[in-house]
Amino acid sequence: MLNKINKFIFKKKTNKYLIMGSFSFFFIKGLIWLGIFFFAGFNLIN
């Protein structure tokens, strides 16, 4: 089942680039929010 889905998604290069781009976008967005929360948390402690 998972193999079928992978073949369907990664059949075209545009789908592959779209999925990898969205993953990297949300990963970087999450890291930025994590940094903001750490910065705000340490400022509240001090």
PDB file of N, CA and C in Angstrom:
ATOM      1  N   MET A   1       0.829  -1.198   0.000  1.00  0.00           N
ATOM      2  CA  MET A   1       0.000   0.000   0.000  1.00  0.00           C
ATOM      3  C   MET A   1       0.871   1.257   0.000  1.00  0.00           C
ATOM      4  N   LEU A   2       1.849   1.309   0.911  1.00  0.00           N
ATOM      5  CA  LEU A   2       2.721   2.477   0.992  1.00  0.00           C
ATOM      6  C   LEU A   2       3.580   2.597  -0.256  1.00  0.00           C
ATOM      7  N   ASN A   3       3.976   1.461  -0.812  1.00  0.00           N
ATOM      8  CA  ASN A   3       4.782   1.472  -2.027  1.00  0.00           C
ATOM      9  C   ASN A   3       3.990   2.039  -3.195  1.00  0.00           C
ATOM     10  N   LYS A   4       2.694   1.716  -3.283  1.00  0.00           N
ATOM     11  CA  LYS A   4       1.845   2.259  -4.348  1.00  0.00           C
ATOM     12  C   LYS A   4       1.725   3.770  -4.239  1.00  0.00           C
ATOM     13  N   ILE A   5       1.553   4.245  -3.006  1.00  0.00           N
ATOM     14  CA  ILE A   5       1.416   5.688  -2.788  1.00  0.00           C
ATOM     15  C   ILE A   5       2.706   6.399  -3.170  1.00  0.00           C
ATOM     16  N   ASN A   6       3.848   5.829  -2.782  1.00  0.00           N
ATOM     17  CA  ASN A   6       5.127   6.439  -3.132  1.00  0.00           C
ATOM     18  C   ASN A   6       5.333   6.489  -4.637  1.00  0.00           C
ATOM     19  N   LYS A   7       4.977   5.431  -5.340  1.00  0.00           N
ATOM     20  CA  LYS A   7       5.118   5.432  -6.790  1.00  0.00           C
ATOM     21  C   LYS A   7       4.207   6.470  -7.432  1.00  0.00           C
ATOM     22  N   PHE A   8       2.994   6.626  -6.889  1.00  0.00           N
ATOM     23  CA  PHE A   8       2.059   7.598  -7.444  1.00  0.00           C
ATOM     24  C   PHE A   8       2.538   9.026  -7.199  1.00  0.00           C
ATOM     25  N   ILE A   9       3.047   9.281  -5.997  1.00  0.00           N
ATOM     26  CA  ILE A   9       3.459  10.644  -5.648  1.00  0.00           C
ATOM     27  C   ILE A   9       4.745  11.022  -6.374  1.00  0.00           C
ATOM     28  N   PHE A  10       5.723  10.130  -6.384  1.00  0.00           N
ATOM     29  CA  PHE A  10       7.036  10.469  -6.924  1.00  0.00           C
ATOM     30  C   PHE A  10       7.181  10.113  -8.403  1.00  0.00           C
ATOM     31  N   LYS A  11       6.032   9.874  -9.077  1.00  0.00           N
ATOM     32  CA  LYS A  11       6.111   9.557 -10.499  1.00  0.00           C
ATOM     33  C   LYS A  11       6.564  10.774 -11.299  1.00  0.00           C
ATOM     34  N   LYS A  12       6.051  11.941 -10.950  1.00  0.00           N
ATOM     35  CA  LYS A  12       6.417  13.163 -11.654  1.00  0.00           C
ATOM     36  C   LYS A  12       7.369  13.978 -10.808  1.00  0.00           C
ATOM     37  N   LYS A  13       8.269  14.687 -11.480  1.00  0.00           N
ATOM     38  CA  LYS A  13       9.242  15.495 -10.756  1.00  0.00           C
ATOM     39  C   LYS A  13       8.582  16.656 -10.043  1.00  0.00           C
ATOM     40  N   THR A  14       7.516  17.201 -10.610  1.00  0.00           N
ATOM     41  CA  THR A  14       6.872  18.353  -9.976  1.00  0.00           C
ATOM     42  C   THR A  14       6.256  17.961  -8.638  1.00  0.00           C
ATOM     43  N   ASN A  15       5.662  16.769  -8.557  1.00  0.00           N
ATOM     44  CA  ASN A  15       5.102  16.311  -7.290  1.00  0.00           C
ATOM     45  C   ASN A  15       6.198  16.141  -6.245  1.00  0.00           C
ATOM     46  N   LYS A  16       7.333  15.594  -6.672  1.00  0.00           N
ATOM     47  CA  LYS A  16       8.437  15.385  -5.745  1.00  0.00           C
ATOM     48  C   LYS A  16       8.954  16.716  -5.222  1.00  0.00           C
ATOM     49  N   TYR A  17       9.148  17.677  -6.119  1.00  0.00           N
ATOM     50  CA  TYR A  17       9.640  18.986  -5.697  1.00  0.00           C
ATOM     51  C   TYR A  17       8.625  19.706  -4.818  1.00  0.00           C
ATOM     52  N   LEU A  18       7.335  19.540  -5.108  1.00  0.00           N
ATOM     53  CA  LEU A  18       6.295  20.179  -4.312  1.00  0.00           C
ATOM     54  C   LEU A  18       6.282  19.621  -2.886  1.00  0.00           C
ATOM     55  N   ILE A  19       6.386  18.309  -2.765  1.00  0.00           N
ATOM     56  CA  ILE A  19       6.361  17.689  -1.438  1.00  0.00           C
ATOM     57  C   ILE A  19       7.619  18.031  -0.651  1.00  0.00           C
ATOM     58  N   MET A  20       8.773  17.961  -1.292  1.00  0.00           N
ATOM     59  CA  MET A  20      10.012  18.293  -0.587  1.00  0.00           C
ATOM     60  C   MET A  20      10.047  19.772  -0.212  1.00  0.00           C
ATOM     61  N   GLY A  21       9.536  20.629  -1.070  1.00  0.00           N
ATOM     62  CA  GLY A  21       9.503  22.064  -0.777  1.00  0.00           C
ATOM     63  C   GLY A  21       8.575  22.386   0.375  1.00  0.00           C
ATOM     64  N   SER A  22       7.413  21.752   0.401  1.00  0.00           N
ATOM     65  CA  SER A  22       6.479  22.020   1.498  1.00  0.00           C
ATOM     66  C   SER A  22       7.020  21.472   2.806  1.00  0.00           C
ATOM     67  N   PHE A  23       7.684  20.313   2.766  1.00  0.00           N
ATOM     68  CA  PHE A  23       8.288  19.765   3.982  1.00  0.00           C
ATOM     69  C   PHE A  23       9.362  20.697   4.515  1.00  0.00           C
ATOM     70  N   SER A  24      10.230  21.181   3.629  1.00  0.00           N
ATOM     71  CA  SER A  24      11.307  22.058   4.099  1.00  0.00           C
ATOM     72  C   SER A  24      10.753  23.391   4.582  1.00  0.00           C
ATOM     73  N   PHE A  25       9.695  23.902   3.945  1.00  0.00           N
ATOM     74  CA  PHE A  25       9.086  25.161   4.381  1.00  0.00           C
ATOM     75  C   PHE A  25       8.537  25.033   5.790  1.00  0.00           C
ATOM     76  N   PHE A  26       7.751  23.978   6.048  1.00  0.00           N
ATOM     77  CA  PHE A  26       7.160  23.827   7.373  1.00  0.00           C
ATOM     78  C   PHE A  26       8.198  23.460   8.421  1.00  0.00           C
ATOM     79  N   PHE A  27       9.267  22.764   8.024  1.00  0.00           N
ATOM     80  CA  PHE A  27      10.338  22.443   8.955  1.00  0.00           C
ATOM     81  C   PHE A  27      11.059  23.711   9.405  1.00  0.00           C
ATOM     82  N   ILE A  28      11.387  24.578   8.450  1.00  0.00           N
ATOM     83  CA  ILE A  28      12.063  25.830   8.782  1.00  0.00           C
ATOM     84  C   ILE A  28      11.134  26.741   9.576  1.00  0.00           C
ATOM     85  N   LYS A  29       9.851  26.764   9.210  1.00  0.00           N
ATOM     86  CA  LYS A  29       8.877  27.564   9.944  1.00  0.00           C
ATOM     87  C   LYS A  29       8.780  27.087  11.395  1.00  0.00           C
ATOM     88  N   GLY A  30       8.785  25.788  11.610  1.00  0.00           N
ATOM     89  CA  GLY A  30       8.736  25.241  12.955  1.00  0.00           C
ATOM     90  C   GLY A  30       9.978  25.581  13.753  1.00  0.00           C
ATOM     91  N   LEU A  31      11.141  25.544  13.104  1.00  0.00           N
ATOM     92  CA  LEU A  31      12.367  25.903  13.812  1.00  0.00           C
ATOM     93  C   LEU A  31      12.361  27.370  14.208  1.00  0.00           C
ATOM     94  N   ILE A  32      11.833  28.233  13.350  1.00  0.00           N
ATOM     95  CA  ILE A  32      11.757  29.656  13.678  1.00  0.00           C
ATOM     96  C   ILE A  32      10.827  29.881  14.860  1.00  0.00           C
ATOM     97  N   TRP A  33       9.658  29.224  14.854  1.00  0.00           N
ATOM     98  CA  TRP A  33       8.733  29.370  15.977  1.00  0.00           C
ATOM     99  C   TRP A  33       9.332  28.812  17.258  1.00  0.00           C
ATOM    100  N   LEU A  34      10.075  27.717  17.163  1.00  0.00           N
ATOM    101  CA  LEU A  34      10.736  27.156  18.339  1.00  0.00           C
ATOM    102  C   LEU A  34      11.735  28.151  18.913  1.00  0.00           C
ATOM    103  N   GLY A  35      12.495  28.794  18.037  1.00  0.00           N
ATOM    104  CA  GLY A  35      13.439  29.811  18.491  1.00  0.00           C
ATOM    105  C   GLY A  35      12.745  30.992  19.145  1.00  0.00           C
ATOM    106  N   ILE A  36      11.610  31.412  18.587  1.00  0.00           N
ATOM    107  CA  ILE A  36      10.850  32.526  19.171  1.00  0.00           C
ATOM    108  C   ILE A  36      10.353  32.151  20.558  1.00  0.00           C
ATOM    109  N   PHE A  37       9.814  30.943  20.719  1.00  0.00           N
ATOM    110  CA  PHE A  37       9.309  30.530  22.022  1.00  0.00           C
ATOM    111  C   PHE A  37      10.430  30.386  23.049  1.00  0.00           C
ATOM    112  N   PHE A  38      11.588  29.868  22.629  1.00  0.00           N
ATOM    113  CA  PHE A  38      12.705  29.789  23.555  1.00  0.00           C
ATOM    114  C   PHE A  38      13.168  31.177  23.971  1.00  0.00           C
ATOM    115  N   PHE A  39      13.253  32.084  23.018  1.00  0.00           N
ATOM    116  CA  PHE A  39      13.688  33.455  23.311  1.00  0.00           C
ATOM    117  C   PHE A  39      12.706  34.132  24.271  1.00  0.00           C
ATOM    118  N   ALA A  40      11.418  33.979  24.011  1.00  0.00           N
ATOM    119  CA  ALA A  40      10.414  34.599  24.882  1.00  0.00           C
ATOM    120  C   ALA A  40      10.422  33.940  26.274  1.00  0.00           C
ATOM    121  N   GLY A  41      10.596  32.637  26.317  1.00  0.00           N
ATOM    122  CA  GLY A  41      10.625  31.935  27.596  1.00  0.00           C
ATOM    123  C   GLY A  41      11.802  32.343  28.455  1.00  0.00           C
ATOM    124  N   PHE A  42      12.978  32.468  27.843  1.00  0.00           N
ATOM    125  CA  PHE A  42      14.137  32.878  28.622  1.00  0.00           C
ATOM    126  C   PHE A  42      14.040  34.327  29.055  1.00  0.00           C
ATOM    127  N   ASN A  43      13.387  35.166  28.257  1.00  0.00           N
ATOM    128  CA  ASN A  43      13.192  36.557  28.673  1.00  0.00           C
ATOM    129  C   ASN A  43      12.191  36.651  29.825  1.00  0.00           C
ATOM    130  N   LEU A  44      11.208  35.754  29.860  1.00  0.00           N
ATOM    131  CA  LEU A  44      10.252  35.776  30.971  1.00  0.00           C
ATOM    132  C   LEU A  44      10.899  35.299  32.269  1.00  0.00           C
ATOM    133  N   ILE A  45      11.848  34.379  32.163  1.00  0.00           N
ATOM    134  CA  ILE A  45      12.545  33.891  33.359  1.00  0.00           C
ATOM    135  C   ILE A  45      13.392  35.019  33.957  1.00  0.00           C
ATOM    136  N   ASN A  46      14.051  35.755  33.097  1.00  0.00           N
ATOM    137  CA  ASN A  46      14.901  36.842  33.592  1.00  0.00           C
ATOM    138  C   ASN A  46      14.040  38.027  33.931  1.00  0.00           C
TER     139      ASN A  46
END
